Amino acid sequence: MTTLNPADTSTWLPLEGLAPGFDANKAPHTTALSGREIAVVDARGTRIVHRFGDTTVSWQYHPGAEDPTEAAADTDDYEAFEVDDDLYFVQFHHRYLPNEAVSLVLDLRAGRALAVISIILPSPEQGRTRVQHVFAPSVIEGADVSGTEAAPTTTLIGRRVEWVYSAEHAYEHVYLSSRWYSWQCLAGPERGLADTDENSVWEVRPGIYIFAWREKVIPCASVTIADHRDVNAIRSHGVLFGLDETGEVPTHFTFGAHGRLLSTTLHAPELEPAAFGED
């Protein structure tokens, strides 16, 4: 058995090394969407119809005029988590295209949706992580649309948050800028490890954020939704997606965490990281 050496990334645990137990604080799957048909339409005119059962979702993808993606349809297993009233976080891993997974935020109250597509690239590209994210805001067909469209935000920059995933797994995050965050493992099999990785943050409702990160050492990425409205009782739901230890088999699993704000860093206005923006 390889001994974990924080200074030697070749000894770091593969994605599946977090299990078992990492999902202990995961919320229960909700069947609130069961029996419903929900179609979402994005700015390109792409229309995706979802028909939810208790544990499976049948979908049809109809690309718009500006969408080069081919039409497709299939049925996948899914998990859904209730984040807030009429706000759901849906996860499914495509069977027909195993290098892609979908995180779908459905805001039934506002008539809006946000899809985050996690894509495992065929091979590492210079300057890019192996798993990439694509964000696609849309509206729910036939719904009364209100509020603002989900969009990138700098609100989390400067915050330091402690996350507890189980009785054995705990991490802290420091949100540095629009592009970067730092993490370290406080408890669990990765205890002692730390790194700085790419992230993206989108606001879907006031105080509720999509936080997605892409790791450069392990070929994996995560999409989470976190309710920060009570900074002493933050709740998140998420998914990890990437390649297993062999580097060949896609691995997809969901989890949850309870968090609390540890501190907030305030920079001088002329040094504020939020002003750097995205490259």
Protein backbone atom coordinates (compact mmCIF):
# COMPACT_ATOMS: atom_id res chain seq x y z
CA MET A 1 0.00 0.00 0.00
CA THR A 2 1.36 3.41 -0.97
CA THR A 3 2.05 5.78 1.91
CA LEU A 4 0.50 9.20 1.39
CA ASN A 5 3.18 11.87 1.08
CA PRO A 6 1.82 15.44 0.93
CA ALA A 7 4.92 16.58 -0.99
CA ASP A 8 4.64 13.80 -3.60
CA THR A 9 1.40 14.12 -5.57
CA SER A 10 1.93 10.68 -7.13
CA THR A 11 0.97 9.18 -3.75
CA TRP A 12 -2.26 11.15 -3.39
CA LEU A 13 -5.46 9.14 -3.19
CA PRO A 14 -7.47 8.58 -6.37
CA LEU A 15 -11.01 9.93 -6.57
CA GLU A 16 -12.56 6.71 -5.24
CA GLY A 17 -10.15 6.81 -2.29
CA LEU A 18 -12.49 9.21 -0.46
CA ALA A 19 -15.11 6.48 -0.11
CA PRO A 20 -16.55 4.89 1.92
CA GLY A 21 -18.14 7.37 4.27
CA PHE A 22 -17.54 10.63 2.42
CA ASP A 23 -21.27 10.87 1.67
CA ALA A 24 -22.45 10.48 5.28
CA ASN A 25 -23.89 14.01 5.40
CA LYS A 26 -25.65 13.70 2.05
CA ALA A 27 -29.30 14.82 2.09
CA PRO A 28 -31.94 12.24 1.15
CA HIS A 29 -32.99 11.91 -2.47
CA THR A 30 -36.30 13.68 -3.08
CA THR A 31 -39.01 12.33 -5.38
CA ALA A 32 -40.74 15.72 -5.54
CA LEU A 33 -40.04 15.87 -9.28
CA SER A 34 -41.44 12.40 -9.95
CA GLY A 35 -44.17 12.40 -12.58
CA ARG A 36 -43.25 15.85 -13.87
CA GLU A 37 -42.15 16.89 -17.35
CA ILE A 38 -39.84 19.91 -17.34
CA ALA A 39 -38.45 21.44 -20.52
CA VAL A 40 -35.70 24.04 -20.38
CA VAL A 41 -34.70 26.38 -23.22
CA ASP A 42 -31.39 28.28 -23.35
CA ALA A 43 -30.27 31.39 -25.26
CA ARG A 44 -29.23 29.31 -28.29
CA GLY A 45 -32.74 27.94 -28.62
CA THR A 46 -31.64 24.52 -27.41
CA ARG A 47 -34.55 22.71 -25.78
CA ILE A 48 -34.12 19.80 -23.36
CA VAL A 49 -37.16 17.89 -22.14
CA HIS A 50 -36.89 15.98 -18.84
CA ARG A 51 -39.45 13.40 -17.70
CA PHE A 52 -38.81 12.39 -14.11
CA GLY A 53 -39.64 9.09 -12.47
CA ASP A 54 -38.79 8.20 -8.90
CA THR A 55 -35.16 7.30 -9.69
CA THR A 56 -34.75 7.75 -13.47
CA VAL A 57 -35.03 10.70 -15.84
CA SER A 58 -35.83 10.35 -19.53
CA TRP A 59 -34.58 13.28 -21.56
CA GLN A 60 -34.60 14.54 -25.12
CA TYR A 61 -32.01 17.03 -26.40
CA HIS A 62 -33.08 19.27 -29.28
CA PRO A 63 -30.19 21.56 -30.30
CA GLY A 64 -30.91 25.14 -31.31
CA ALA A 65 -29.66 26.80 -34.48
CA GLU A 66 -26.42 27.94 -32.78
CA ASP A 67 -25.77 24.64 -30.97
CA PRO A 68 -23.45 22.17 -32.79
CA THR A 69 -24.39 19.33 -30.42
CA GLU A 70 -26.24 16.45 -32.07
CA ALA A 71 -29.80 15.63 -31.03
CA ALA A 72 -29.99 12.81 -28.49
CA ALA A 73 -32.34 11.03 -26.10
CA ASP A 74 -31.87 8.50 -23.31
CA THR A 75 -32.86 7.51 -19.79
CA ASP A 76 -30.43 7.85 -16.86
CA ASP A 77 -30.50 7.26 -13.13
CA TYR A 78 -30.68 10.51 -11.19
CA GLU A 79 -30.58 11.95 -7.70
CA ALA A 80 -32.35 15.14 -6.67
CA PHE A 81 -31.87 17.25 -3.55
CA GLU A 82 -34.20 19.92 -2.23
CA VAL A 83 -32.10 23.03 -1.59
CA ASP A 84 -34.88 25.52 -0.76
CA ASP A 85 -38.59 25.92 -1.45
CA ASP A 86 -39.12 25.01 -5.13
CA LEU A 87 -35.35 24.82 -5.71
CA TYR A 88 -33.83 21.46 -6.69
CA PHE A 89 -30.33 20.20 -7.47
CA VAL A 90 -30.46 17.24 -9.89
CA GLN A 91 -27.52 14.95 -10.75
CA PHE A 92 -27.20 12.38 -13.50
CA HIS A 93 -24.35 10.67 -15.35
CA HIS A 94 -24.99 9.93 -19.03
CA ARG A 95 -24.94 6.27 -20.02
CA TYR A 96 -24.63 7.00 -23.73
CA LEU A 97 -21.79 9.48 -23.18
CA PRO A 98 -19.95 8.36 -20.02
CA ASN A 99 -17.42 11.20 -20.13
CA GLU A 100 -20.21 13.70 -19.35
CA ALA A 101 -22.29 14.31 -16.24
CA VAL A 102 -25.07 16.84 -15.68
CA SER A 103 -25.81 19.02 -12.65
CA LEU A 104 -29.17 20.69 -13.16
CA VAL A 105 -30.52 23.45 -10.93
CA LEU A 106 -34.29 23.87 -11.25
CA ASP A 107 -35.83 26.99 -9.71
CA LEU A 108 -39.53 26.26 -10.13
CA ARG A 109 -40.52 29.46 -8.32
CA ALA A 110 -38.58 31.73 -10.69
CA GLY A 111 -39.05 29.60 -13.79
CA ARG A 112 -35.30 29.41 -14.32
CA ALA A 113 -32.69 26.67 -14.62
CA LEU A 114 -28.92 26.31 -14.76
CA ALA A 115 -27.19 23.27 -16.22
CA VAL A 116 -23.54 22.61 -15.39
CA ILE A 117 -22.02 20.02 -17.70
CA SER A 118 -18.90 18.26 -16.39
CA ILE A 119 -16.78 16.91 -19.25
CA ILE A 120 -13.76 14.59 -19.01
CA LEU A 121 -11.40 15.61 -21.80
CA PRO A 122 -9.93 12.77 -23.91
CA SER A 123 -6.40 13.69 -22.85
CA PRO A 124 -4.77 16.40 -20.73
CA GLU A 125 -4.38 19.72 -22.53
CA GLN A 126 -1.65 22.22 -21.75
CA GLY A 127 -2.90 24.68 -19.14
CA ARG A 128 -6.29 22.97 -18.66
CA THR A 129 -7.57 20.58 -16.04
CA ARG A 130 -8.68 17.13 -17.23
CA VAL A 131 -12.30 17.79 -16.27
CA GLN A 132 -13.94 21.00 -17.51
CA HIS A 133 -17.27 22.70 -16.77
CA VAL A 134 -19.76 24.29 -19.15
CA PHE A 135 -22.49 26.54 -17.70
CA ALA A 136 -25.83 26.96 -19.49
CA PRO A 137 -28.52 29.17 -17.91
CA SER A 138 -32.02 28.68 -19.30
CA VAL A 139 -35.69 29.22 -18.61
CA ILE A 140 -38.37 26.64 -17.87
CA GLU A 141 -40.78 26.36 -20.75
CA GLY A 142 -44.32 27.49 -19.90
CA ALA A 143 -43.34 28.95 -16.50
CA ASP A 144 -43.75 32.54 -15.34
CA VAL A 145 -40.15 33.73 -15.36
CA SER A 146 -39.09 36.16 -12.62
CA GLY A 147 -35.99 37.36 -10.83
CA THR A 148 -32.53 37.41 -12.36
CA GLU A 149 -30.75 34.80 -14.42
CA ALA A 150 -28.05 32.75 -12.66
CA ALA A 151 -24.70 34.47 -13.21
CA PRO A 152 -21.08 34.46 -11.99
CA THR A 153 -20.51 36.26 -8.69
CA THR A 154 -17.57 37.40 -6.58
CA THR A 155 -19.51 37.32 -3.30
CA LEU A 156 -17.57 34.44 -1.74
CA ILE A 157 -14.13 35.98 -2.29
CA GLY A 158 -12.32 36.44 1.03
CA ARG A 159 -14.38 33.91 2.95
CA ARG A 160 -12.83 30.97 4.82
CA VAL A 161 -15.31 28.14 5.41
CA GLU A 162 -15.06 24.86 7.32
CA TRP A 163 -16.88 21.92 5.70
CA VAL A 164 -17.80 18.65 7.46
CA TYR A 165 -18.76 15.79 5.13
CA SER A 166 -18.92 13.03 7.76
CA ALA A 167 -17.66 12.20 11.24
CA GLU A 168 -14.31 11.35 9.57
CA HIS A 169 -14.07 13.86 6.69
CA ALA A 170 -13.55 17.63 7.06
CA TYR A 171 -11.97 20.31 4.86
CA GLU A 172 -11.61 24.05 4.78
CA HIS A 173 -11.91 26.30 1.75
CA VAL A 174 -10.46 29.76 1.23
CA TYR A 175 -12.05 31.57 -1.71
CA LEU A 176 -9.24 33.64 -3.17
CA SER A 177 -10.49 35.15 -6.42
CA SER A 178 -12.84 34.64 -9.35
CA ARG A 179 -10.57 31.84 -10.57
CA TRP A 180 -8.83 30.33 -7.55
CA TYR A 181 -9.56 28.78 -4.17
CA SER A 182 -7.38 26.92 -1.67
CA TRP A 183 -8.36 23.82 0.28
CA GLN A 184 -6.84 21.70 2.98
CA CYS A 185 -8.01 18.46 4.55
CA LEU A 186 -8.59 18.77 8.30
CA ALA A 187 -9.73 15.17 8.88
CA GLY A 188 -9.99 12.01 6.80
CA PRO A 189 -7.76 9.97 4.49
CA GLU A 190 -6.40 13.15 2.85
CA ARG A 191 -5.48 14.80 6.17
CA GLY A 192 -2.41 16.95 5.64
CA LEU A 193 -3.04 17.55 1.94
CA ALA A 194 -3.68 21.02 0.57
CA ASP A 195 -3.71 22.71 -2.81
CA THR A 196 -4.99 25.65 -4.82
CA ASP A 197 -7.32 24.83 -7.72
CA GLU A 198 -9.58 26.51 -10.25
CA ASN A 199 -13.13 27.39 -9.27
CA SER A 200 -16.26 29.04 -10.64
CA VAL A 201 -19.02 30.57 -8.50
CA TRP A 202 -22.54 31.40 -9.75
CA GLU A 203 -25.42 32.84 -7.75
CA VAL A 204 -28.77 31.11 -8.36
CA ARG A 205 -30.77 32.84 -5.59
CA PRO A 206 -29.70 35.50 -3.08
CA GLY A 207 -27.27 33.73 -0.73
CA ILE A 208 -27.37 30.40 -2.63
CA TYR A 209 -24.40 29.63 -4.87
CA ILE A 210 -23.12 27.07 -7.31
CA PHE A 211 -19.48 26.41 -6.40
CA ALA A 212 -17.63 24.29 -8.96
CA TRP A 213 -13.99 23.32 -8.73
CA ARG A 214 -11.55 21.57 -11.06
CA GLU A 215 -8.56 19.72 -9.59
CA LYS A 216 -5.20 19.65 -11.37
CA VAL A 217 -3.57 16.77 -9.45
CA ILE A 218 -6.42 14.25 -9.44
CA PRO A 219 -8.42 14.08 -12.71
CA CYS A 220 -11.72 15.14 -11.19
CA ALA A 221 -14.05 18.07 -10.66
CA SER A 222 -17.00 18.88 -8.47
CA VAL A 223 -20.23 20.85 -8.70
CA THR A 224 -21.89 21.89 -5.45
CA ILE A 225 -24.78 24.11 -4.46
CA ALA A 226 -24.42 25.84 -1.10
CA ASP A 227 -26.88 27.84 0.96
CA HIS A 228 -24.84 30.55 2.72
CA ARG A 229 -27.79 32.57 4.05
CA ASP A 230 -26.95 31.51 7.62
CA VAL A 231 -23.15 31.62 7.76
CA ASN A 232 -23.17 29.55 10.96
CA ALA A 233 -25.20 26.74 9.38
CA ILE A 234 -24.23 26.53 5.72
CA ARG A 235 -25.60 23.52 3.84
CA SER A 236 -24.26 22.11 0.60
CA HIS A 237 -25.11 19.31 -1.82
CA GLY A 238 -22.63 18.16 -4.42
CA VAL A 239 -21.18 15.68 -6.87
CA LEU A 240 -17.67 14.54 -7.73
CA PHE A 241 -16.91 13.35 -11.25
CA GLY A 242 -13.67 12.18 -12.80
CA LEU A 243 -11.49 9.17 -13.51
CA ASP A 244 -10.65 6.29 -11.19
CA GLU A 245 -7.16 5.13 -10.22
CA THR A 246 -6.64 3.45 -13.60
CA GLY A 247 -7.30 6.72 -15.41
CA GLU A 248 -9.83 4.91 -17.61
CA VAL A 249 -13.15 4.52 -15.78
CA PRO A 250 -15.45 7.51 -15.09
CA THR A 251 -16.41 7.78 -11.41
CA HIS A 252 -19.48 9.72 -10.26
CA PHE A 253 -20.82 10.05 -6.72
CA THR A 254 -22.84 12.53 -4.71
CA PHE A 255 -22.26 13.91 -1.21
CA GLY A 256 -23.31 16.65 1.18
CA ALA A 257 -21.73 18.82 3.83
CA HIS A 258 -22.45 21.15 6.71
CA GLY A 259 -20.35 24.30 6.87
CA ARG A 260 -19.67 27.42 8.89
CA LEU A 261 -17.89 30.66 8.16
CA LEU A 262 -14.54 30.87 9.98
CA SER A 263 -13.46 34.33 8.86
CA THR A 264 -13.63 36.91 6.09
CA THR A 265 -10.60 38.69 4.65
CA LEU A 266 -11.05 42.31 3.61
CA HIS A 267 -8.49 43.73 1.21
CA ALA A 268 -7.61 47.34 0.52
CA PRO A 269 -9.81 48.54 -2.37
CA GLU A 270 -6.88 48.83 -4.75
CA LEU A 271 -5.83 45.21 -3.94
CA GLU A 272 -9.30 43.64 -4.02
CA PRO A 273 -9.04 40.24 -5.84
CA ALA A 274 -12.60 40.57 -7.17
CA ALA A 275 -11.36 43.39 -9.40
CA PHE A 276 -9.03 40.98 -11.24
CA GLY A 277 -11.95 39.24 -12.97
CA GLU A 278 -11.63 36.21 -15.22
CA ASP A 279 -8.91 35.74 -17.80
